[in-house]
């Protein structure tokens, strides 16, 4: 963002209200106000530790007109200085933190970093700050919490001219830049924060407001687990389980029990919030989620894997695999019924997430007997990569997509609505057919509306660099060329610098990719956190902006930082002799 000489700094945060929430010394359930100095500024930090559970406070703006809003945070000792902020008119708090990429910027962490939050008309509005906290006790220990360390130094408000406001409003009306797709597993925020409220769900959606994102892929289920209030499957409440391997699993289960008891459906909340800010909503589903290995077996009670053992996958050597197979019509019918139940809501599409725990078919009797009838040979006696066998094995998931397409089309006709789109999050060029995904048939038959190749290069995990291989990208571009099917490549790794995100986007656009997909885009493990990286990422649909940046020699996009000279009585400029 451009520098402004008329910026307003609110540094006297010890004046926040109510004053009962401010303390001159460390205290539970209160912000510790510590004096600080920089070369240009002085004021009071609002500090809260991992057990403070500091309450919500009002900053006191008393301003009018449009401003660009920054929050100055102090991530000392390599912490992830996190804070939640909300204006009076906002539907929920926004969670701001430095993200994973900040640490190399300052080895000792003695600087305040500015997080660009957003632009807003502050007329008649108040600003509220809140610590990020998670309940850690059981229901009878509700006071136990774990919080993210927070040090807020100032709020910076940059007034916008009439010309700048007009430009901003014109930007927000643009549709040509909205080429980004976001994924949310509908699990992480429960696992991390364990809060069963409408606001907690909306908090996951709010970062996409006024960005280049046009779609939200929100997970609605995995196997027979429903991440919505329905009847087709079972809820992930893990009833009767007393001990969990991970604290987050307990928080997840308890939150779902609360959703069920209060009849608050997080999928409906997310759907409404997405539509309110102009995102299309695609209910996404993990087709391999019928059976979980130890130590996550608490999610298996009542699973279709146990109630229908006849649907289990069979390996080449005849051993039963810990999966449910889509070679069986009953499996496909079960999943389609779940998708139809979800589609009773006004969703814009569904997405099948093949990028988690493939394969979904192997050497089940329907496939083996069908191959024998067609070729007179037993596929179990052939090489694993026999092209005839790979093509035949792919017929099961192609049948699934035909049946899904027909069912969704019938529902759309009954409801008098537009086509319910189908997306598929798939693997790389070589892995797809090996795992029963016949993409060519899906595209040729218009069974999928969007292909989302997820995987990184072979041998790399989900933190590795993806799509560095030009032929790999061209394969997918050419696969959909001349068809109605869209292509959206998943951008990895999750955490890169702002500059790296721009370079990655430029390289993909240069190879003919039109849309970019971001797996796990929300939460601390994701990217929607108002860090420097997010502030570059959320504008990656502005291709002309990226091209201009490249022409200028790729100047740094690092956040503005202000070196601290003193915090409390400690002189941070002092250097130990020698």
Protein backbone atom coordinates (compact mmCIF):
# COMPACT_ATOMS: atom_id res chain seq x y z
CA UNK A 1 0.00 0.00 0.00
CA UNK A 2 1.28 3.53 -0.72
CA UNK A 3 2.71 5.60 2.13
CA UNK A 4 0.67 8.51 3.48
CA UNK A 5 1.92 11.47 5.52
CA UNK A 6 -1.50 12.07 7.05
CA UNK A 7 -1.79 8.68 8.78
CA UNK A 8 -3.46 8.69 12.18
CA UNK A 9 -1.77 6.54 14.83
CA UNK A 10 -3.71 5.42 17.89
CA UNK A 11 -0.96 4.43 20.31
CA UNK A 12 -2.57 5.17 23.69
CA UNK A 13 -4.21 1.77 23.89
CA UNK A 14 -4.22 1.91 27.69
CA UNK A 15 -7.30 4.12 27.25
CA UNK A 16 -9.35 1.28 25.73
CA UNK A 17 -12.72 0.61 27.31
CA UNK A 18 -13.79 -0.79 29.62
CA UNK A 19 -10.96 0.29 31.89
CA UNK A 20 -11.61 -2.77 34.04
CA UNK A 21 -10.15 -4.80 31.16
CA UNK A 22 -6.83 -2.88 31.31
CA UNK A 23 -4.17 -3.51 33.94
CA UNK A 24 -0.81 -1.88 34.69
CA UNK A 25 0.62 -5.32 35.57
CA UNK A 26 0.09 -8.86 34.25
CA UNK A 27 -3.33 -10.12 35.32
CA UNK A 28 -5.70 -12.88 34.24
CA UNK A 29 -8.70 -11.68 32.20
CA UNK A 30 -7.18 -8.24 31.56
CA UNK A 31 -4.87 -6.64 29.02
CA UNK A 32 -1.46 -5.66 30.39
CA UNK A 33 -0.70 -2.09 29.21
CA UNK A 34 3.07 -1.67 28.77
CA UNK A 35 4.73 1.63 27.75
CA UNK A 36 6.91 1.48 24.61
CA UNK A 37 8.97 3.76 22.41
CA UNK A 38 10.18 3.78 18.81
CA UNK A 39 12.12 6.52 17.01
CA UNK A 40 8.86 8.20 15.98
CA UNK A 41 6.16 6.82 18.25
CA UNK A 42 5.41 6.15 21.88
CA UNK A 43 2.41 4.70 23.61
CA UNK A 44 1.16 1.62 25.38
CA UNK A 45 1.20 -1.96 24.09
CA UNK A 46 -1.77 -4.15 24.88
CA UNK A 47 -0.27 -7.47 25.94
CA UNK A 48 -1.88 -10.83 26.73
CA UNK A 49 -0.26 -14.22 27.31
CA UNK A 50 -1.22 -17.81 26.67
CA UNK A 51 -3.40 -18.03 29.81
CA UNK A 52 -4.60 -14.43 30.07
CA UNK A 53 -7.97 -14.78 28.29
CA UNK A 54 -8.14 -11.01 27.82
CA UNK A 55 -11.66 -9.71 27.08
CA UNK A 56 -12.94 -7.65 24.19
CA UNK A 57 -12.10 -3.94 24.38
CA UNK A 58 -13.16 -0.86 22.40
CA UNK A 59 -10.38 1.33 20.99
CA UNK A 60 -12.27 4.61 20.60
CA UNK A 61 -12.12 5.98 17.04
CA UNK A 62 -14.51 8.97 16.80
CA UNK A 63 -13.71 9.40 13.10
CA UNK A 64 -15.69 9.82 9.90
CA UNK A 65 -15.04 8.97 6.29
CA UNK A 66 -13.12 6.20 4.54
CA UNK A 67 -9.82 4.97 5.93
CA UNK A 68 -7.36 2.20 5.27
CA UNK A 69 -6.84 0.26 8.50
CA UNK A 70 -3.61 -1.30 9.76
CA UNK A 71 -2.94 -3.04 13.07
CA UNK A 72 0.62 -2.81 14.45
CA UNK A 73 1.59 -6.04 16.22
CA UNK A 74 4.74 -6.98 18.12
CA UNK A 75 5.60 -10.69 17.54
CA UNK A 76 8.43 -10.78 20.07
CA UNK A 77 10.53 -13.92 20.40
CA UNK A 78 9.26 -15.28 17.07
CA UNK A 79 5.68 -15.57 18.30
CA UNK A 80 2.75 -15.37 15.90
CA UNK A 81 1.27 -12.15 17.27
CA UNK A 82 -2.44 -12.74 16.71
CA UNK A 83 -5.41 -10.53 17.46
CA UNK A 84 -9.05 -10.38 16.45
CA UNK A 85 -10.53 -7.10 15.20
CA UNK A 86 -14.06 -5.99 14.39
CA UNK A 87 -15.80 -2.78 13.41
CA UNK A 88 -19.30 -2.07 14.70
CA UNK A 89 -20.89 -2.92 11.34
CA UNK A 90 -18.94 -6.14 10.79
CA UNK A 91 -20.80 -9.46 11.05
CA UNK A 92 -17.92 -11.04 12.96
CA UNK A 93 -14.34 -10.57 14.10
CA UNK A 94 -11.43 -10.98 11.70
CA UNK A 95 -8.41 -12.93 12.93
CA UNK A 96 -5.11 -11.23 12.09
CA UNK A 97 -1.67 -12.74 12.58
CA UNK A 98 1.81 -12.46 11.13
CA UNK A 99 1.72 -15.82 9.41
CA UNK A 100 4.57 -18.29 9.08
CA UNK A 101 6.74 -16.20 6.78
CA UNK A 102 7.53 -13.29 9.08
CA UNK A 103 10.34 -14.73 11.26
CA UNK A 104 13.30 -14.20 8.88
CA UNK A 105 12.45 -10.49 8.72
CA UNK A 106 13.74 -9.83 12.23
CA UNK A 107 15.93 -12.43 13.99
CA UNK A 108 15.29 -10.94 17.42
CA UNK A 109 11.70 -9.85 16.85
CA UNK A 110 12.06 -6.39 18.40
CA UNK A 111 9.93 -4.61 15.81
CA UNK A 112 6.31 -3.75 15.34
CA UNK A 113 4.85 -5.02 12.04
CA UNK A 114 1.88 -3.48 10.29
CA UNK A 115 -0.87 -5.83 9.15
CA UNK A 116 -3.08 -4.32 6.48
CA UNK A 117 -6.62 -5.27 7.41
CA UNK A 118 -9.04 -3.48 5.09
CA UNK A 119 -10.63 -0.22 3.96
CA UNK A 120 -13.88 0.97 5.53
CA UNK A 121 -16.07 3.98 6.14
CA UNK A 122 -15.49 4.68 9.84
CA UNK A 123 -18.36 7.12 10.22
CA UNK A 124 -20.14 6.25 13.46
CA UNK A 125 -18.11 3.07 13.89
CA UNK A 126 -16.13 1.72 16.81
CA UNK A 127 -13.16 -0.66 16.65
CA UNK A 128 -13.02 -3.67 18.95
CA UNK A 129 -10.04 -5.90 19.71
CA UNK A 130 -10.07 -9.38 21.23
CA UNK A 131 -7.53 -12.06 22.14
CA UNK A 132 -7.66 -15.36 20.24
CA UNK A 133 -8.53 -18.06 22.78
CA UNK A 134 -9.55 -21.73 22.71
CA UNK A 135 -11.41 -23.61 25.48
CA UNK A 136 -9.25 -26.52 26.62
CA UNK A 137 -11.24 -27.95 29.53
CA UNK A 138 -14.19 -30.28 29.30
CA UNK A 139 -17.69 -28.91 29.68
CA UNK A 140 -17.32 -28.91 33.48
CA UNK A 141 -14.01 -27.00 33.20
CA UNK A 142 -15.25 -24.23 30.91
CA UNK A 143 -12.86 -21.65 32.36
CA UNK A 144 -9.77 -23.49 31.06
CA UNK A 145 -8.46 -21.80 27.92
CA UNK A 146 -5.39 -21.67 25.75
CA UNK A 147 -4.72 -18.33 24.07
CA UNK A 148 -2.41 -17.00 21.39
CA UNK A 149 0.14 -14.51 22.71
CA UNK A 150 -0.79 -11.01 21.66
CA UNK A 151 0.98 -7.65 21.70
CA UNK A 152 -0.80 -4.82 19.90
CA UNK A 153 1.16 -1.56 19.63
CA UNK A 154 -1.09 0.71 17.62
CA UNK A 155 -3.89 1.15 15.14
CA UNK A 156 -2.94 3.08 12.00
CA UNK A 157 -5.69 4.79 9.99
CA UNK A 158 -4.96 6.32 6.60
CA UNK A 159 -7.69 8.71 5.33
CA UNK A 160 -8.74 8.07 1.73
CA UNK A 161 -9.44 10.89 -0.69
CA UNK A 162 -12.66 11.05 -2.70
CA UNK A 163 -10.67 9.91 -5.72
CA UNK A 164 -9.25 6.95 -3.81
CA UNK A 165 -12.71 5.97 -2.55
CA UNK A 166 -14.11 6.12 -6.08
CA UNK A 167 -11.26 3.93 -7.28
CA UNK A 168 -11.82 1.47 -4.44
CA UNK A 169 -15.52 1.19 -5.18
CA UNK A 170 -14.78 0.65 -8.87
CA UNK A 171 -12.31 -2.09 -7.91
CA UNK A 172 -14.94 -3.83 -5.83
CA UNK A 173 -17.34 -3.88 -8.78
CA UNK A 174 -14.85 -5.69 -11.02
CA UNK A 175 -15.49 -9.32 -11.85
CA UNK A 176 -12.60 -9.99 -14.24
CA UNK A 177 -10.10 -10.27 -11.37
CA UNK A 178 -12.14 -12.78 -9.37
CA UNK A 179 -10.30 -15.86 -10.57
CA UNK A 180 -9.26 -17.41 -7.24
CA UNK A 181 -10.88 -20.40 -5.51
CA UNK A 182 -10.54 -21.09 -1.77
CA UNK A 183 -10.84 -24.42 0.07
CA UNK A 184 -11.82 -24.88 3.72
CA UNK A 185 -11.89 -28.35 5.28
CA UNK A 186 -14.63 -27.26 7.77
CA UNK A 187 -12.52 -28.98 10.41
CA UNK A 188 -9.48 -26.86 11.24
CA UNK A 189 -11.34 -24.04 12.97
CA UNK A 190 -13.13 -26.55 15.21
CA UNK A 191 -9.93 -28.48 15.90
CA UNK A 192 -8.03 -25.29 16.76
CA UNK A 193 -10.67 -23.12 18.44
CA UNK A 194 -13.55 -25.40 19.43
CA UNK A 195 -16.23 -22.71 19.32
CA UNK A 196 -19.72 -23.76 18.26
CA UNK A 197 -21.10 -20.36 17.29
CA UNK A 198 -22.33 -18.76 14.10
CA UNK A 199 -19.63 -16.11 14.49
CA UNK A 200 -16.89 -18.77 14.54
CA UNK A 201 -18.11 -20.08 11.18
CA UNK A 202 -18.44 -16.61 9.68
CA UNK A 203 -14.91 -15.84 10.83
CA UNK A 204 -13.71 -18.43 8.30
CA UNK A 205 -15.52 -16.66 5.44
CA UNK A 206 -14.96 -12.99 6.23
CA UNK A 207 -11.34 -12.73 4.93
CA UNK A 208 -12.57 -13.24 1.35
CA UNK A 209 -14.75 -10.13 1.33
CA UNK A 210 -13.62 -7.66 -1.36
CA UNK A 211 -10.84 -9.94 -2.62
CA UNK A 212 -10.10 -11.71 -5.90
CA UNK A 213 -11.78 -14.91 -4.65
CA UNK A 214 -14.99 -15.96 -6.38
CA UNK A 215 -15.53 -19.46 -5.03
CA UNK A 216 -15.48 -21.20 -1.67
CA UNK A 217 -15.02 -24.98 -1.54
CA UNK A 218 -16.36 -25.87 1.91
CA UNK A 219 -16.21 -29.51 3.00
CA UNK A 220 -19.58 -31.09 3.69
CA UNK A 221 -18.47 -34.60 4.58
CA UNK A 222 -16.01 -37.48 4.46
CA UNK A 223 -17.14 -41.03 3.84
CA UNK A 224 -20.33 -41.34 5.87
CA UNK A 225 -19.42 -38.46 8.23
CA UNK A 226 -21.62 -35.42 7.67
CA UNK A 227 -20.27 -31.94 8.30
CA UNK A 228 -23.83 -30.64 8.22
CA UNK A 229 -27.06 -31.51 10.03
CA UNK A 230 -28.63 -34.23 7.91
CA UNK A 231 -29.88 -37.81 7.80
CA UNK A 232 -27.82 -39.50 5.08
CA UNK A 233 -24.80 -40.27 7.26
CA UNK A 234 -23.53 -39.75 10.82
CA UNK A 235 -22.20 -36.71 12.66
CA UNK A 236 -18.57 -36.50 13.84
CA UNK A 237 -19.64 -36.07 17.47
CA UNK A 238 -17.78 -39.23 18.60
CA UNK A 239 -20.44 -39.95 21.22
CA UNK A 240 -19.30 -42.09 24.13
CA UNK A 241 -15.58 -41.43 23.57
CA UNK A 242 -13.86 -40.17 26.75
CA UNK A 243 -10.23 -40.03 25.66
CA UNK A 244 -8.86 -38.56 22.44
CA UNK A 245 -5.35 -38.80 21.05
CA UNK A 246 -5.33 -35.09 20.25
CA UNK A 247 -6.95 -32.27 22.15
CA UNK A 248 -8.23 -30.86 18.87
CA UNK A 249 -10.17 -34.07 18.17
CA UNK A 250 -12.01 -33.64 21.47
CA UNK A 251 -12.75 -30.00 20.65
CA UNK A 252 -14.04 -31.09 17.24
CA UNK A 253 -16.33 -33.75 18.70
CA UNK A 254 -17.64 -31.50 21.48
CA UNK A 255 -18.32 -28.73 19.00
CA UNK A 256 -20.35 -31.07 16.82
CA UNK A 257 -22.36 -32.24 19.83
CA UNK A 258 -23.12 -28.58 20.51
CA UNK A 259 -24.09 -27.97 16.87
CA UNK A 260 -26.47 -30.93 17.06
CA UNK A 261 -28.01 -29.88 20.37
CA UNK A 262 -28.51 -26.26 19.32
CA UNK A 263 -29.50 -27.23 15.77
CA UNK A 264 -26.95 -24.77 14.39
CA UNK A 265 -25.84 -26.06 10.97
CA UNK A 266 -22.34 -24.72 10.15
CA UNK A 267 -22.73 -25.58 6.47
CA UNK A 268 -25.83 -23.37 6.23
CA UNK A 269 -24.04 -20.55 8.07
CA UNK A 270 -21.03 -20.83 5.75
CA UNK A 271 -23.27 -20.99 2.67
CA UNK A 272 -25.20 -17.87 3.67
CA UNK A 273 -22.03 -15.97 4.60
CA UNK A 274 -20.37 -16.89 1.29
CA UNK A 275 -23.36 -15.78 -0.77
CA UNK A 276 -23.63 -12.54 1.21
CA UNK A 277 -20.12 -11.50 0.16
CA UNK A 278 -20.49 -12.70 -3.43
CA UNK A 279 -18.78 -16.10 -3.33
CA UNK A 280 -20.25 -19.13 -5.03
CA UNK A 281 -20.43 -22.08 -2.64
CA UNK A 282 -19.27 -25.59 -3.56
CA UNK A 283 -19.92 -28.38 -1.04
CA UNK A 284 -16.82 -30.57 -1.06
CA UNK A 285 -16.59 -34.21 -0.08
CA UNK A 286 -13.76 -36.64 0.79
CA UNK A 287 -14.79 -39.93 -0.85
CA UNK A 288 -12.20 -42.04 1.03
CA UNK A 289 -13.24 -41.06 4.56
CA UNK A 290 -15.06 -44.23 5.60
CA UNK A 291 -12.28 -45.65 7.76
CA UNK A 292 -9.63 -43.93 9.90
CA UNK A 293 -6.43 -45.58 11.14
CA UNK A 294 -5.21 -45.49 14.73
CA UNK A 295 -5.02 -43.25 16.68
CA UNK A 296 -8.05 -41.67 14.98
CA UNK A 297 -10.28 -44.73 15.26
CA UNK A 298 -12.78 -42.83 17.41
CA UNK A 299 -14.29 -41.58 14.16
CA UNK A 300 -15.04 -45.14 12.96
CA UNK A 301 -17.90 -46.15 15.25
CA UNK A 302 -20.92 -46.98 13.10
CA UNK A 303 -19.07 -46.48 9.83
CA UNK A 304 -20.31 -48.02 6.59
CA UNK A 305 -16.97 -49.84 6.54
CA UNK A 306 -18.24 -52.00 9.42
CA UNK A 307 -21.97 -52.10 8.66
CA UNK A 308 -21.35 -53.12 5.02
CA UNK A 309 -18.19 -55.26 4.94
CA UNK A 310 -19.21 -56.49 1.49
CA UNK A 311 -18.29 -53.04 0.11
CA UNK A 312 -14.66 -53.15 1.22
CA UNK A 313 -11.81 -52.75 -1.23
CA UNK A 314 -9.84 -55.84 -2.26
CA UNK A 315 -6.14 -55.81 -3.11
CA UNK A 316 -4.49 -57.66 -5.97
CA UNK A 317 -3.40 -60.42 -3.57
CA UNK A 318 -6.93 -60.82 -2.23
CA UNK A 319 -6.37 -59.00 1.05
CA UNK A 320 -9.08 -56.65 2.30
CA UNK A 321 -7.95 -53.02 2.20
CA UNK A 322 -9.07 -50.45 4.82
CA UNK A 323 -11.30 -48.63 2.36
CA UNK A 324 -14.79 -48.75 0.87
CA UNK A 325 -14.77 -49.34 -2.89
CA UNK A 326 -16.62 -47.35 -5.54
CA UNK A 327 -16.69 -50.42 -7.76
CA UNK A 328 -19.93 -51.28 -5.92
CA UNK A 329 -23.14 -49.55 -6.98
CA UNK A 330 -24.29 -49.35 -3.34
CA UNK A 331 -21.26 -47.26 -2.39
CA UNK A 332 -21.88 -44.87 -5.24
CA UNK A 333 -25.58 -44.63 -4.36
CA UNK A 334 -24.77 -43.87 -0.71
CA UNK A 335 -22.46 -41.00 -1.65
CA UNK A 336 -24.83 -39.61 -4.25
CA UNK A 337 -27.67 -39.63 -1.71
CA UNK A 338 -25.47 -37.58 0.61
CA UNK A 339 -24.66 -35.12 -2.18
CA UNK A 340 -28.36 -34.81 -3.00
CA UNK A 341 -29.17 -34.13 0.64
CA UNK A 342 -26.56 -31.37 0.74
CA UNK A 343 -27.85 -30.00 -2.57
CA UNK A 344 -31.27 -29.43 -1.02
CA UNK A 345 -29.59 -26.22 0.14
CA UNK A 346 -28.95 -23.55 -2.52
CA UNK A 347 -25.34 -24.57 -3.13
CA UNK A 348 -23.70 -23.74 -6.45
CA UNK A 349 -21.84 -27.01 -6.85
CA UNK A 350 -20.29 -30.09 -5.32
CA UNK A 351 -16.67 -31.17 -5.39
CA UNK A 352 -15.17 -34.65 -5.02
CA UNK A 353 -11.78 -34.49 -3.29
CA UNK A 354 -9.77 -37.34 -4.79
CA UNK A 355 -6.53 -35.85 -3.47
CA UNK A 356 -6.88 -37.49 -0.07
CA UNK A 357 -6.13 -41.21 0.48
CA UNK A 358 -6.52 -42.68 -3.01
CA UNK A 359 -7.30 -45.16 -4.51
CA UNK A 360 -11.04 -45.75 -4.31
CA UNK A 361 -11.05 -48.86 -6.52
CA UNK A 362 -8.70 -51.81 -6.84
CA UNK A 363 -9.42 -55.50 -7.62
CA UNK A 364 -13.00 -55.85 -6.40
CA UNK A 365 -15.14 -58.69 -7.88
CA UNK A 366 -17.26 -56.45 -10.17
CA UNK A 367 -14.13 -55.08 -11.83
CA UNK A 368 -12.26 -58.38 -12.00
CA UNK A 369 -15.23 -60.28 -13.44
CA UNK A 370 -16.00 -57.47 -15.87
CA UNK A 371 -12.42 -57.51 -17.16
CA UNK A 372 -12.48 -61.30 -17.53
CA UNK A 373 -15.68 -61.06 -19.57
CA UNK A 374 -14.21 -58.38 -21.83
CA UNK A 375 -10.69 -59.74 -22.32
CA UNK A 376 -10.74 -63.38 -21.23
CA UNK A 377 -7.89 -62.77 -18.80
CA UNK A 378 -7.55 -62.40 -15.05
CA UNK A 379 -6.27 -58.85 -14.34
CA UNK A 380 -4.58 -60.11 -11.18
CA UNK A 381 -2.13 -61.94 -13.41
CA UNK A 382 -1.23 -58.80 -15.38
CA UNK A 383 1.22 -56.00 -14.67
CA UNK A 384 -0.18 -53.25 -12.44
CA UNK A 385 0.15 -50.72 -15.27
CA UNK A 386 -1.42 -52.83 -18.02
CA UNK A 387 -3.25 -50.13 -20.07
CA UNK A 388 -6.30 -52.34 -20.62
CA UNK A 389 -6.68 -52.89 -16.89
CA UNK A 390 -6.14 -49.24 -16.02
CA UNK A 391 -8.77 -48.20 -18.56
CA UNK A 392 -11.22 -50.82 -17.30
CA UNK A 393 -10.67 -49.98 -13.63
CA UNK A 394 -11.39 -46.33 -14.43
CA UNK A 395 -14.93 -47.25 -15.53
CA UNK A 396 -16.11 -47.44 -11.89
CA UNK A 397 -15.45 -43.80 -11.05
CA UNK A 398 -16.64 -42.71 -14.48
CA UNK A 399 -19.91 -44.52 -13.70
CA UNK A 400 -19.99 -42.68 -10.37
CA UNK A 401 -19.67 -39.32 -12.14
CA UNK A 402 -22.35 -40.22 -14.68
CA UNK A 403 -24.72 -41.23 -11.89
CA UNK A 404 -23.86 -38.11 -9.89
CA UNK A 405 -24.39 -35.87 -12.91
CA UNK A 406 -27.76 -37.45 -13.69
CA UNK A 407 -28.93 -37.19 -10.07
CA UNK A 408 -27.92 -33.52 -9.74
CA UNK A 409 -29.50 -32.65 -13.09
CA UNK A 410 -32.75 -34.30 -12.02
CA UNK A 411 -32.73 -32.37 -8.75
CA UNK A 412 -32.06 -29.10 -10.58
CA UNK A 413 -35.00 -29.76 -12.91
CA UNK A 414 -37.28 -30.52 -9.97
CA UNK A 415 -36.24 -27.33 -8.20
CA UNK A 416 -36.19 -25.16 -11.32
CA UNK A 417 -32.62 -24.06 -10.71
CA UNK A 418 -29.45 -23.74 -12.75
CA UNK A 419 -27.03 -26.60 -13.30
CA UNK A 420 -25.39 -27.74 -10.07
CA UNK A 421 -21.73 -27.77 -11.00
CA UNK A 422 -19.38 -30.66 -10.30
CA UNK A 423 -15.70 -30.14 -9.53
CA UNK A 424 -13.05 -32.80 -9.03
CA UNK A 425 -9.85 -32.26 -7.09
CA UNK A 426 -7.53 -34.72 -8.79
CA UNK A 427 -3.91 -35.89 -8.85
CA UNK A 428 -1.03 -35.31 -11.25
CA UNK A 429 -0.85 -36.48 -14.85
CA UNK A 430 0.63 -39.92 -14.12
CA UNK A 431 -1.22 -40.64 -10.90
CA UNK A 432 -4.79 -40.15 -12.09
CA UNK A 433 -5.34 -43.20 -14.30
CA UNK A 434 -3.21 -45.30 -11.94
CA UNK A 435 -5.82 -44.51 -9.27
CA UNK A 436 -8.90 -45.03 -11.43
CA UNK A 437 -9.46 -41.38 -12.45
CA UNK A 438 -10.20 -41.26 -16.18
CA UNK A 439 -10.08 -37.50 -16.66
CA UNK A 440 -10.30 -37.64 -20.45
CA UNK A 441 -13.65 -39.41 -20.28
CA UNK A 442 -14.95 -37.05 -17.60
CA UNK A 443 -14.07 -33.99 -19.68
CA UNK A 444 -15.27 -35.48 -22.97
CA UNK A 445 -18.65 -36.39 -21.46
CA UNK A 446 -18.98 -33.06 -19.60
CA UNK A 447 -19.22 -34.93 -16.30
CA UNK A 448 -17.08 -32.35 -14.51
CA UNK A 449 -17.32 -28.57 -14.76
CA UNK A 450 -14.01 -27.81 -13.03
CA UNK A 451 -10.83 -29.85 -12.75
CA UNK A 452 -8.54 -29.01 -9.84
CA UNK A 453 -5.19 -30.81 -10.13
CA UNK A 454 -3.90 -30.79 -6.58
CA UNK A 455 -0.80 -32.85 -6.23
CA UNK A 456 2.76 -31.57 -6.10
CA UNK A 457 5.52 -33.02 -8.22
CA UNK A 458 6.12 -36.73 -7.57
CA UNK A 459 7.97 -37.38 -4.34
CA UNK A 460 7.07 -34.06 -2.73
CA UNK A 461 4.63 -33.61 0.10
CA UNK A 462 2.00 -30.89 0.36
CA UNK A 463 4.57 -28.33 1.45
CA UNK A 464 6.67 -28.80 -1.66
CA UNK A 465 6.73 -26.68 -4.77
CA UNK A 466 3.93 -27.54 -7.19
CA UNK A 467 3.69 -27.14 -10.95
CA UNK A 468 7.32 -26.31 -11.65
CA UNK A 469 7.19 -28.69 -14.61
CA UNK A 470 5.97 -26.95 -17.78
CA UNK A 471 4.79 -30.15 -19.57
CA UNK A 472 2.76 -31.13 -16.51
CA UNK A 473 0.90 -27.81 -16.62
CA UNK A 474 0.44 -27.94 -20.40
CA UNK A 475 -1.07 -31.41 -20.12
CA UNK A 476 -3.96 -30.09 -18.02
CA UNK A 477 -4.35 -26.89 -20.05
CA UNK A 478 -4.64 -28.93 -23.26
CA UNK A 479 -6.95 -31.45 -21.59
CA UNK A 480 -9.69 -28.85 -21.09
CA UNK A 481 -8.91 -26.70 -24.14
CA UNK A 482 -11.96 -26.22 -26.36
CA UNK A 483 -14.35 -27.61 -23.71
CA UNK A 484 -16.64 -26.04 -21.12
CA UNK A 485 -14.55 -27.51 -18.32
CA UNK A 486 -12.59 -24.99 -16.24
CA UNK A 487 -9.10 -25.63 -14.92
CA UNK A 488 -7.85 -24.38 -11.54
CA UNK A 489 -4.39 -25.50 -10.44
CA UNK A 490 -3.74 -25.75 -6.71
CA UNK A 491 -0.94 -23.44 -5.59
CA UNK A 492 1.65 -24.90 -3.23
CA UNK A 493 3.41 -24.67 -0.86
CA UNK A 494 0.91 -23.19 1.56
CA UNK A 495 3.32 -20.65 2.96
CA UNK A 496 5.45 -18.53 0.67
CA UNK A 497 6.55 -14.93 0.67
CA UNK A 498 4.35 -12.35 -0.99
CA UNK A 499 6.89 -12.13 -3.79
CA UNK A 500 6.89 -15.91 -4.31
CA UNK A 501 3.10 -15.98 -4.61
CA UNK A 502 3.21 -13.32 -7.30
CA UNK A 503 5.96 -15.12 -9.21
CA UNK A 504 4.07 -18.41 -9.02
CA UNK A 505 0.85 -16.82 -10.28
CA UNK A 506 2.68 -15.08 -13.13
CA UNK A 507 4.30 -18.35 -14.23
CA UNK A 508 0.98 -20.21 -14.26
CA UNK A 509 -0.87 -17.43 -16.07
CA UNK A 510 1.90 -17.45 -18.66
CA UNK A 511 1.23 -21.13 -19.35
CA UNK A 512 -2.48 -20.61 -19.98
CA UNK A 513 -3.91 -21.27 -16.50
CA UNK A 514 -6.91 -19.03 -15.81
CA UNK A 515 -7.88 -19.94 -12.24
CA UNK A 516 -5.87 -20.60 -9.08
CA UNK A 517 -7.00 -22.86 -6.22
CA UNK A 518 -5.80 -22.65 -2.63
CA UNK A 519 -6.12 -25.75 -0.45
CA UNK A 520 -6.52 -25.08 3.29
CA UNK A 521 -6.73 -21.37 2.66
CA UNK A 522 -8.08 -20.32 6.07
CA UNK A 523 -6.84 -20.43 9.64
CA UNK A 524 -3.32 -20.37 11.11
CA UNK A 525 -2.29 -23.40 9.04
CA UNK A 526 -3.75 -21.71 5.98
CA UNK A 527 -3.17 -18.35 4.38
CA UNK A 528 -6.09 -15.99 5.03
CA UNK A 529 -4.42 -14.25 7.97
CA UNK A 530 -3.76 -10.63 6.83
CA UNK A 531 0.00 -11.19 6.72
CA UNK A 532 2.10 -9.73 3.90
CA UNK A 533 1.67 -12.99 1.98
CA UNK A 534 -2.11 -12.89 2.27
CA UNK A 535 -2.20 -9.27 1.20
CA UNK A 536 -0.42 -10.27 -2.02
CA UNK A 537 -2.38 -13.50 -2.43
CA UNK A 538 -5.83 -11.96 -2.11
CA UNK A 539 -5.07 -9.78 -5.16
CA UNK A 540 -3.53 -12.45 -7.40
CA UNK A 541 -6.41 -12.04 -9.83
CA UNK A 542 -5.06 -8.58 -10.69
CA UNK A 543 -2.84 -9.81 -13.49
CA UNK A 544 -1.96 -6.31 -14.68
CA UNK A 545 -0.75 -5.47 -11.17
CA UNK A 546 1.53 -8.52 -11.16
CA UNK A 547 2.87 -7.72 -14.63
CA UNK A 548 3.62 -4.14 -13.58
CA UNK A 549 5.44 -5.40 -10.50
CA UNK A 550 7.54 -7.74 -12.65
CA UNK A 551 8.45 -4.90 -15.01
CA UNK A 552 9.56 -2.79 -12.04
CA UNK A 553 12.07 -5.45 -10.98
CA UNK A 554 10.00 -7.23 -8.31
CA UNK A 555 10.37 -4.73 -5.45
CA UNK A 556 9.97 -6.08 -1.92
CA UNK A 557 6.45 -6.61 -0.61
CA UNK A 558 7.54 -7.06 3.01
CA UNK A 559 5.32 -5.41 5.63
CA UNK A 560 6.18 -2.04 7.10
CA UNK A 561 8.09 -2.51 10.35
CA UNK A 562 9.01 -0.10 13.13
CA UNK A 563 11.99 -0.91 15.36
CA UNK A 564 11.27 -0.76 19.07
CA UNK A 565 13.67 1.13 21.33
CA UNK A 566 12.07 0.44 24.67
CA UNK A 567 9.32 -1.74 26.16
CA UNK A 568 8.53 -1.04 29.78
CA UNK A 569 11.85 -0.38 31.52
CA UNK A 570 13.85 -2.49 29.07
CA UNK A 571 16.15 -0.68 26.64
CA UNK A 572 16.05 -2.79 23.48
CA UNK A 573 18.86 -0.81 21.85
CA UNK A 574 21.37 -2.09 24.40
CA UNK A 575 23.88 -4.56 22.96
CA UNK A 576 25.73 -6.97 25.22
CA UNK A 577 29.48 -6.07 25.11
CA UNK A 578 31.52 -8.52 23.01
